[in-house]
Amino acid sequence: MTADEFDPQRIVEVLNRHRVEYVLVGGYAAQLYGARRPTYDVDITPSTTLENLNCLSTVRHLSASARRRVPLPHRGIDAVRGARGTADG
């Protein structure tokens, strides 16, 4: 994708249309608050409920990629501690 093809508003619209629960983070979020730094991606932190992850899986046509896998909520905090050593990581 080139800078000319980057359309963050379209990405947000698709996520909303598919009822994905998420928080915008990163450079694009900073731009919405007035920052002037360039960015060519949209970073989100999705809710990790199974229902939401199912919604998120329906937007594959955005060619998105996950940078990090997160434990599903049903695994609980003990699984997170075991993976990282502490809950705070």
Protein backbone atom coordinates (compact mmCIF):
# COMPACT_ATOMS: atom_id res chain seq x y z
CA MET A 1 0.00 0.00 0.00
CA THR A 2 1.30 3.43 -0.89
CA ALA A 3 0.72 6.65 0.99
CA ASP A 4 -1.77 7.65 -1.73
CA GLU A 5 -3.79 4.45 -1.14
CA PHE A 6 -3.82 4.73 2.66
CA ASP A 7 -7.35 5.56 3.82
CA PRO A 8 -7.58 5.31 7.62
CA GLN A 9 -11.16 6.58 7.67
CA ARG A 10 -12.22 3.63 5.49
CA ILE A 11 -10.49 1.20 7.88
CA VAL A 12 -12.31 2.68 10.87
CA GLU A 13 -15.63 2.61 8.97
CA VAL A 14 -15.16 -1.10 8.16
CA LEU A 15 -14.33 -1.94 11.78
CA ASN A 16 -17.42 -0.05 12.96
CA ARG A 17 -19.66 -1.63 10.32
CA HIS A 18 -18.58 -5.08 11.54
CA ARG A 19 -19.23 -3.98 15.15
CA VAL A 20 -15.64 -4.56 16.26
CA GLU A 21 -14.93 -3.14 19.72
CA TYR A 22 -11.49 -1.51 19.74
CA VAL A 23 -9.42 1.43 20.88
CA LEU A 24 -7.43 3.43 18.36
CA VAL A 25 -3.79 3.82 19.39
CA GLY A 26 -0.58 4.90 17.70
CA GLY A 27 0.14 7.52 15.08
CA TYR A 28 -3.32 7.77 13.54
CA ALA A 29 -4.91 8.24 16.96
CA ALA A 30 -2.34 10.98 17.65
CA GLN A 31 -3.27 12.67 14.35
CA LEU A 32 -6.92 12.76 15.41
CA TYR A 33 -5.77 14.73 18.46
CA GLY A 34 -3.80 17.19 16.33
CA ALA A 35 -0.35 15.63 16.00
CA ARG A 36 1.34 16.32 12.68
CA ARG A 37 3.46 13.20 12.46
CA PRO A 38 2.96 11.07 9.34
CA THR A 39 1.63 7.55 9.63
CA TYR A 40 0.68 4.90 7.10
CA ASP A 41 -1.13 2.41 9.31
CA VAL A 42 -3.93 2.20 11.84
CA ASP A 43 -3.12 0.59 15.16
CA ILE A 44 -5.94 -0.78 17.29
CA THR A 45 -6.27 -2.71 20.50
CA PRO A 46 -9.37 -4.88 20.15
CA SER A 47 -11.49 -6.20 22.97
CA THR A 48 -10.49 -9.83 23.49
CA THR A 49 -13.95 -11.26 24.08
CA LEU A 50 -14.62 -14.26 21.89
CA GLU A 51 -17.59 -12.48 20.29
CA ASN A 52 -15.45 -9.46 19.40
CA LEU A 53 -12.60 -11.57 18.04
CA ASN A 54 -15.15 -13.31 15.81
CA CYS A 55 -16.30 -9.88 14.55
CA LEU A 56 -12.69 -8.89 13.95
CA SER A 57 -12.04 -12.06 11.96
CA THR A 58 -14.68 -10.99 9.43
CA VAL A 59 -12.65 -7.98 8.26
CA ARG A 60 -9.82 -9.94 6.63
CA HIS A 61 -10.25 -8.01 3.39
CA LEU A 62 -8.43 -5.08 5.05
CA SER A 63 -5.16 -7.05 4.73
CA ALA A 64 -4.48 -6.42 8.40
CA SER A 65 -1.95 -8.27 10.47
CA ALA A 66 -1.62 -8.87 14.17
CA ARG A 67 1.63 -7.86 15.79
CA ARG A 68 1.00 -9.81 18.93
CA ARG A 69 -1.25 -12.59 20.03
CA VAL A 70 -3.13 -12.08 23.26
CA PRO A 71 -4.50 -14.74 25.59
CA LEU A 72 -8.23 -15.21 25.32
CA PRO A 73 -10.18 -14.08 28.40
CA HIS A 74 -11.24 -17.59 29.37
CA ARG A 75 -7.60 -18.49 30.05
CA GLY A 76 -7.52 -16.00 32.91
CA ILE A 77 -4.78 -13.97 34.57
CA ASP A 78 -2.83 -17.07 35.62
CA ALA A 79 -2.17 -17.88 31.96
CA VAL A 80 -0.85 -14.35 31.44
CA ARG A 81 1.44 -14.64 34.49
CA GLY A 82 2.73 -17.97 33.25
CA ALA A 83 3.50 -16.56 29.80
CA ARG A 84 5.28 -13.41 31.00
CA GLY A 85 6.36 -14.15 34.52
CA THR A 86 4.16 -11.47 36.12
CA ALA A 87 0.79 -9.93 35.44
CA ASP A 88 2.47 -6.56 34.80
CA GLY A 89 4.92 -8.07 32.41
